[in-house]
Each structure stands twice: as structure tokens, then as C-alpha cells.
Amino acid sequence: MPPAGKLPATFARLKGEKRAAFIPFFAAGDPDMATTADLLRAAADAGADAIELGVPFSDPIADGPVIQNAFYRALDKGFKVNQLFELVQRLRRTGFSTPLVCMVSYTLVYRRSLRTFLTLCQKAGFDGVIIPDLPVGYEGDATKMAAQTGLDLVFLIAPTTTPERRALIAQSSRGFIYYVSVAGITGTRSSLPEDLAQNVRAIKERSQTPVCVGFGISRPEQAAQVAAVADGVIVGSALVKKVDEAVGVKLHGDGLVQHVLPLLRELSAATHARPNPKPETQKPRP
């Protein structure tokens, strides 16, 4: 069996340093492949411990309007999945070492076959894969196939997931467990759910696999609050929105990257500081 990817080693190192992982998300090909590569390099330079790359798809499952629009922009430019593999291969050849996780709809995986897609991910240089619409219990040999290619297959747990399924997902997920902080679609939120810390702790009691939190984290203070209880902080919509802003005022290349970079640095610093403030929460709606 091929050696495991870099994700377990990264989380082990961060655990020793008593820090959480900062994991930004970008939509591949938005606004173009060259800029995507520049954004990945900027994220790594800003301190990203791993990076998620979303594969554009015309009918995304859980993505809100910000990420949907980014996917549509990429598709309008003629994005093809092979371009993503080629991009990652080029980055790896130049010494880019930050762990990369491919987030992709199962529809795109199924078109090539699961084994073929996972093999292409591994050969390109990905370290993990998230298939949000492939639930535990219906994944067949996916986890085994991923392990055989040296990839970590990450599964998601939502606030509405039953305790029984949480235990099953925690047992199956590799690399890390993706905890979705709020039910619904991706997007920025003004505050974090009141039960976030409780749910993360409950998952951590069931598994030694690191727990990373995504959906709704948009500001440095929120990243710091999540980092106080979780092993990783995933930020997508807030960063993709910065890309959207730059596109809207016709910034390109380095100008676009410079527009996104301050938020990247702020989120990275807040995550790595790992303070323990009183969480900024919202009361559950009756």
C-alpha cells in the first residue's frame, strides 16, 4: 500500500505545537487557472497548513451563492477537470509542499470511475479528497481505494447527524473529520452556533482523527474561537468573496492576489494564535 499523505503528519506536528490548522478553500479556475496557482502560493506563504480546492460543478450540493458564482465563472471560462490535475502537477514539480485536498461532487468522480479519479488525484499530487455527496454507508470501497492510492478520504458530520451516524463517520473518515458548523449551505455568518464547541468535543471523544470546522467562518475572531476547540479551521466563502470583489473591480493577477492576501494573513494569524475567548454565539431559533 502506498504511504499515507501529508495530512496526518501535518496534524501531528500542529498538535505538538498546540495549534490548529488553517485550511483555506478556493474554487479551481476562478477567475482562471494561473490566478488559482498564484492564490495557492499566496495561501501557503500566509501560513496555510492545508488547502482545499473545489472542483467547479454546475449543480453543487451544499455550496452557497458565493461559491456557486465562482464555479460558474470558472465553467464559463471553459474549466475542465484535467486542468486541475495539470495545475497541481506543475505546483508539485516546483516544490509546492502544502497538503492539498480535492473537494468534488460524486457526479464528476462517477464519470471517470471512482478508482480512476482517485488515481488521477494521487498522481497529480493531492493528499486528500472530500466527496460531500458520498455519505458513509453508501461509499462502497471508496475508503479502501483511497487508502490504496495513498489518499485520505474525508467525510462530513453535520449538526443534525445522529449520534449513531456520527460514530460511524468518525470511524470512517481519514486525514480529518469535516464538521459542518451549521445546517444548510456554505456562506458567511455573523456569529457562530451556540452548540459548536459542545458538538466538536463530542466528536473528538469518539475519535482520534482531527476535527476541522467549516461553513460560516468569515472573520479572524471567529477563526480564533473555532481554533480554541477544533483541530482545524476551514474558510471558504469569505475568501472566495474577496476573489469576487477583485473580479468585480477588474483586478487581475497580482492585483487580485493582493486584494485577497490581507484576509488570508489575518485568518492564518488568528487560527495559529489559538486563543481561548468566550465564543461569540447565537441562540438557536425556536
Protein backbone atom coordinates (compact mmCIF):
# COMPACT_ATOMS: atom_id res chain seq x y z
CA MET A 1 0.00 0.00 0.00
CA PRO A 2 1.37 3.46 -0.84
CA PRO A 3 2.47 5.65 2.07
CA ALA A 4 -0.14 7.92 3.62
CA GLY A 5 -0.33 11.52 2.51
CA LYS A 6 0.92 14.54 4.37
CA LEU A 7 -2.29 15.34 6.26
CA PRO A 8 -1.71 13.06 9.29
CA ALA A 9 1.85 14.34 9.68
CA THR A 10 0.66 17.94 9.46
CA PHE A 11 -1.94 17.49 12.18
CA ALA A 12 0.53 15.59 14.37
CA ARG A 13 3.00 18.46 14.07
CA LEU A 14 0.36 21.06 14.87
CA LYS A 15 -0.84 19.05 17.85
CA GLY A 16 2.68 19.10 19.23
CA GLU A 17 2.77 22.85 18.69
CA LYS A 18 -0.69 23.20 20.32
CA ARG A 19 -2.01 24.99 17.27
CA ALA A 20 -4.98 24.47 14.98
CA ALA A 21 -4.65 24.08 11.22
CA PHE A 22 -5.63 26.92 8.93
CA ILE A 23 -7.30 25.48 5.82
CA PRO A 24 -8.45 27.98 3.18
CA PHE A 25 -10.69 26.97 0.28
CA PHE A 26 -10.54 28.25 -3.30
CA ALA A 27 -12.57 27.42 -6.38
CA ALA A 28 -10.29 25.97 -9.05
CA GLY A 29 -10.21 28.08 -12.20
CA ASP A 30 -11.72 31.20 -10.63
CA PRO A 31 -11.09 33.56 -12.28
CA ASP A 32 -8.56 31.47 -14.25
CA MET A 33 -6.07 28.66 -13.65
CA ALA A 34 -2.99 30.90 -13.48
CA THR A 35 -4.57 33.02 -10.75
CA THR A 36 -5.64 29.89 -8.88
CA ALA A 37 -1.98 28.83 -8.78
CA ASP A 38 -0.99 32.29 -7.51
CA LEU A 39 -3.66 32.14 -4.80
CA LEU A 40 -2.42 28.73 -3.64
CA ARG A 41 1.13 30.04 -3.37
CA ALA A 42 -0.08 33.12 -1.51
CA ALA A 43 -2.08 30.97 0.90
CA ALA A 44 0.93 28.78 1.60
CA ASP A 45 3.13 31.84 2.16
CA ALA A 46 0.47 33.24 4.52
CA GLY A 47 0.69 30.10 6.68
CA ALA A 48 -1.98 27.75 5.33
CA ASP A 49 -1.41 24.26 6.74
CA ALA A 50 -3.52 22.62 4.03
CA ILE A 51 -5.67 23.97 1.20
CA GLU A 52 -8.97 22.77 -0.21
CA LEU A 53 -9.55 23.10 -3.93
CA GLY A 54 -13.16 22.98 -5.03
CA VAL A 55 -13.86 21.44 -8.43
CA PRO A 56 -16.39 23.58 -10.37
CA PHE A 57 -19.69 21.84 -10.98
CA SER A 58 -22.91 23.18 -12.46
CA ASP A 59 -25.15 21.75 -9.71
CA PRO A 60 -23.26 21.89 -6.39
CA ILE A 61 -24.89 20.25 -3.37
CA ALA A 62 -24.02 22.39 -0.34
CA ASP A 63 -22.36 25.47 -1.77
CA GLY A 64 -23.97 28.85 -1.27
CA PRO A 65 -24.24 31.65 -3.84
CA VAL A 66 -20.68 32.95 -3.40
CA ILE A 67 -19.03 29.63 -4.26
CA GLN A 68 -21.68 28.81 -6.85
CA ASN A 69 -20.87 32.04 -8.68
CA ALA A 70 -17.17 31.22 -8.56
CA PHE A 71 -17.87 27.81 -10.08
CA TYR A 72 -19.99 29.37 -12.81
CA ARG A 73 -17.22 31.86 -13.65
CA ALA A 74 -14.73 29.03 -13.98
CA LEU A 75 -17.07 26.94 -16.10
CA ASP A 76 -17.82 29.92 -18.33
CA LYS A 77 -14.07 30.19 -18.95
CA GLY A 78 -14.08 26.58 -20.12
CA PHE A 79 -12.76 24.86 -16.97
CA LYS A 80 -12.04 21.14 -17.35
CA VAL A 81 -11.11 18.75 -14.55
CA ASN A 82 -7.90 17.78 -16.34
CA GLN A 83 -6.75 21.39 -15.95
CA LEU A 84 -6.91 20.96 -12.17
CA PHE A 85 -4.73 17.86 -12.26
CA GLU A 86 -2.24 19.61 -14.54
CA LEU A 87 -2.13 22.64 -12.22
CA VAL A 88 -1.39 20.55 -9.14
CA GLN A 89 1.28 18.58 -11.00
CA ARG A 90 3.02 21.82 -12.03
CA LEU A 91 2.92 23.14 -8.49
CA ARG A 92 4.38 19.94 -7.07
CA ARG A 93 7.20 19.98 -9.64
CA THR A 94 8.20 23.45 -8.43
CA GLY A 95 8.43 22.30 -4.82
CA PHE A 96 5.00 23.32 -3.55
CA SER A 97 4.60 21.14 -0.45
CA THR A 98 1.44 22.30 1.34
CA PRO A 99 -1.11 19.46 1.59
CA LEU A 100 -3.91 19.77 -0.95
CA VAL A 101 -7.43 18.38 -0.64
CA CYS A 102 -9.73 17.98 -3.63
CA MET A 103 -13.40 18.75 -2.90
CA VAL A 104 -15.51 17.31 -5.67
CA SER A 105 -19.06 16.21 -6.47
CA TYR A 106 -19.53 12.48 -6.86
CA THR A 107 -21.10 13.11 -10.28
CA LEU A 108 -17.69 14.20 -11.60
CA VAL A 109 -16.00 11.25 -9.91
CA TYR A 110 -18.50 8.75 -11.28
CA ARG A 111 -17.94 9.90 -14.88
CA ARG A 112 -14.38 8.55 -14.76
CA SER A 113 -14.97 5.79 -12.17
CA LEU A 114 -14.00 6.12 -8.55
CA ARG A 115 -10.70 4.28 -8.86
CA THR A 116 -9.64 6.28 -11.92
CA PHE A 117 -10.47 9.62 -10.31
CA LEU A 118 -8.65 8.78 -7.07
CA THR A 119 -5.63 7.58 -9.02
CA LEU A 120 -5.55 10.81 -11.02
CA CYS A 121 -5.77 12.82 -7.78
CA GLN A 122 -2.85 10.93 -6.27
CA LYS A 123 -0.69 11.17 -9.38
CA ALA A 124 -1.37 14.90 -9.61
CA GLY A 125 -0.21 15.45 -6.03
CA PHE A 126 -3.36 15.69 -3.93
CA ASP A 127 -3.21 14.37 -0.36
CA GLY A 128 -6.90 14.04 0.38
CA VAL A 129 -10.35 14.01 -1.21
CA ILE A 130 -13.73 15.23 0.03
CA ILE A 131 -16.83 13.99 -1.80
CA PRO A 132 -19.64 15.73 0.11
CA ASP A 133 -22.45 13.87 -1.65
CA LEU A 134 -20.95 10.42 -0.95
CA PRO A 135 -22.27 9.54 2.53
CA VAL A 136 -20.77 6.95 4.83
CA GLY A 137 -22.71 3.72 4.49
CA TYR A 138 -23.03 4.16 0.74
CA GLU A 139 -19.38 4.68 -0.14
CA GLY A 140 -18.68 1.04 -1.03
CA ASP A 141 -14.94 0.52 -1.47
CA ALA A 142 -14.14 4.25 -1.64
CA THR A 143 -12.22 4.41 1.64
CA LYS A 144 -10.24 1.28 0.77
CA MET A 145 -9.49 2.55 -2.75
CA ALA A 146 -8.36 5.92 -1.40
CA ALA A 147 -6.03 4.26 1.08
CA GLN A 148 -4.58 2.08 -1.65
CA THR A 149 -3.63 5.18 -3.62
CA GLY A 150 -2.23 6.97 -0.56
CA LEU A 151 -5.11 9.44 -0.25
CA ASP A 152 -7.13 10.37 2.82
CA LEU A 153 -10.89 10.30 2.20
CA VAL A 154 -12.58 12.90 4.40
CA PHE A 155 -16.23 12.65 5.44
CA LEU A 156 -18.58 15.30 6.83
CA ILE A 157 -20.60 15.48 10.04
CA ALA A 158 -23.45 17.99 10.34
CA PRO A 159 -25.17 19.35 13.47
CA THR A 160 -28.21 17.26 12.53
CA THR A 161 -26.25 13.99 12.17
CA THR A 162 -27.49 11.39 14.64
CA PRO A 163 -25.13 10.11 17.34
CA GLU A 164 -25.07 6.68 15.70
CA ARG A 165 -24.04 8.09 12.34
CA ARG A 166 -21.54 10.44 13.95
CA ALA A 167 -19.78 7.42 15.41
CA LEU A 168 -19.77 5.65 12.02
CA ILE A 169 -18.46 8.72 10.18
CA ALA A 170 -15.81 9.39 12.79
CA GLN A 171 -14.60 5.82 12.38
CA SER A 172 -14.52 6.04 8.57
CA SER A 173 -13.02 9.49 7.94
CA ARG A 174 -9.28 9.72 7.28
CA GLY A 175 -6.99 12.75 7.39
CA PHE A 176 -9.54 14.72 9.34
CA ILE A 177 -13.26 14.86 10.07
CA TYR A 178 -15.06 17.81 8.47
CA TYR A 179 -17.60 19.21 10.93
CA VAL A 180 -20.17 21.42 9.24
CA SER A 181 -20.85 24.13 11.82
CA VAL A 182 -24.37 24.94 10.61
CA ALA A 183 -27.09 23.07 8.78
CA GLY A 184 -27.56 24.39 5.28
CA ILE A 185 -25.27 25.76 2.60
CA THR A 186 -21.89 27.46 2.71
CA GLY A 187 -21.67 31.20 3.32
CA THR A 188 -20.51 33.81 5.79
CA ARG A 189 -22.35 34.15 9.12
CA SER A 190 -22.39 36.97 11.65
CA SER A 191 -21.91 34.61 14.60
CA LEU A 192 -21.13 31.01 15.41
CA PRO A 193 -23.68 28.44 16.61
CA GLU A 194 -24.05 28.16 20.36
CA ASP A 195 -23.59 24.38 20.33
CA LEU A 196 -20.42 24.40 18.18
CA ALA A 197 -17.91 23.70 20.96
CA GLN A 198 -20.11 21.03 22.51
CA ASN A 199 -20.54 19.21 19.20
CA VAL A 200 -16.84 19.33 18.36
CA ARG A 201 -15.90 17.96 21.79
CA ALA A 202 -18.46 15.17 21.42
CA ILE A 203 -16.94 14.12 18.09
CA LYS A 204 -13.41 14.27 19.49
CA GLU A 205 -14.47 11.95 22.31
CA ARG A 206 -15.39 9.32 19.70
CA SER A 207 -12.30 9.50 17.51
CA GLN A 208 -8.59 10.29 17.49
CA THR A 209 -8.94 11.73 13.99
CA PRO A 210 -8.56 15.54 13.93
CA VAL A 211 -11.79 17.53 13.70
CA CYS A 212 -11.87 20.59 11.42
CA VAL A 213 -14.75 23.03 11.30
CA GLY A 214 -16.08 24.74 8.18
CA PHE A 215 -19.15 26.66 6.93
CA GLY A 216 -19.81 30.16 8.20
CA ILE A 217 -16.34 31.18 9.42
CA SER A 218 -15.54 34.53 7.85
CA ARG A 219 -13.67 36.75 10.32
CA PRO A 220 -10.41 36.36 12.26
CA GLU A 221 -12.18 36.46 15.63
CA GLN A 222 -14.42 33.59 14.52
CA ALA A 223 -11.39 31.62 13.34
CA ALA A 224 -9.79 32.13 16.76
CA GLN A 225 -12.91 30.91 18.54
CA VAL A 226 -13.07 27.76 16.43
CA ALA A 227 -9.33 27.15 16.83
CA ALA A 228 -9.84 27.10 20.60
CA VAL A 229 -11.91 23.89 20.38
CA ALA A 230 -11.15 22.26 17.00
CA ASP A 231 -8.06 20.89 15.28
CA GLY A 232 -8.58 22.95 12.15
CA VAL A 233 -10.39 25.98 10.77
CA ILE A 234 -11.75 25.87 7.20
CA VAL A 235 -12.60 29.16 5.49
CA GLY A 236 -14.12 29.22 2.02
CA SER A 237 -16.86 31.71 1.19
CA ALA A 238 -15.14 34.71 2.82
CA LEU A 239 -12.03 34.18 0.69
CA VAL A 240 -13.93 33.38 -2.49
CA LYS A 241 -15.94 36.56 -1.89
CA LYS A 242 -12.66 38.51 -1.89
CA VAL A 243 -11.86 36.99 -5.26
CA ASP A 244 -15.32 38.00 -6.45
CA GLU A 245 -14.76 41.58 -5.25
CA ALA A 246 -11.47 41.75 -7.12
CA VAL A 247 -13.06 40.43 -10.30
CA GLY A 248 -15.83 43.00 -9.91
CA VAL A 249 -13.37 45.92 -9.95
CA LYS A 250 -11.36 44.30 -12.75
CA LEU A 251 -8.30 43.36 -10.70
CA HIS A 252 -6.19 40.65 -12.32
CA GLY A 253 -3.12 38.60 -11.49
CA ASP A 254 -1.05 40.05 -8.67
CA GLY A 255 -3.61 42.80 -8.07
CA LEU A 256 -6.27 40.19 -7.34
CA VAL A 257 -3.95 38.20 -5.09
CA GLN A 258 -3.01 41.33 -3.15
CA HIS A 259 -6.72 42.01 -2.58
CA VAL A 260 -7.18 38.56 -1.02
CA LEU A 261 -3.87 38.34 0.85
CA PRO A 262 -4.67 40.55 3.89
CA LEU A 263 -7.63 38.36 4.88
CA LEU A 264 -5.55 35.23 4.35
CA ARG A 265 -2.90 36.56 6.71
CA GLU A 266 -5.42 37.70 9.32
CA LEU A 267 -7.23 34.35 9.34
CA SER A 268 -3.95 32.43 9.50
CA ALA A 269 -2.65 34.51 12.41
CA ALA A 270 -5.92 34.20 14.32
CA THR A 271 -6.07 30.44 13.82
CA HIS A 272 -2.48 29.87 14.85
CA ALA A 273 -2.67 32.11 17.91
CA ARG A 274 -5.20 29.67 19.32
CA PRO A 275 -6.67 31.95 21.99
CA ASN A 276 -9.50 30.83 24.24
CA PRO A 277 -12.03 33.67 24.18
CA LYS A 278 -15.63 33.43 25.19
CA PRO A 279 -17.33 32.21 22.00
CA GLU A 280 -19.42 34.67 20.02
CA THR A 281 -22.52 32.57 19.64
CA GLN A 282 -26.06 32.83 18.50
CA LYS A 283 -29.04 31.40 20.29
CA PRO A 284 -30.82 28.58 18.46
CA ARG A 285 -34.01 29.79 16.86
CA PRO A 286 -37.19 28.49 18.49
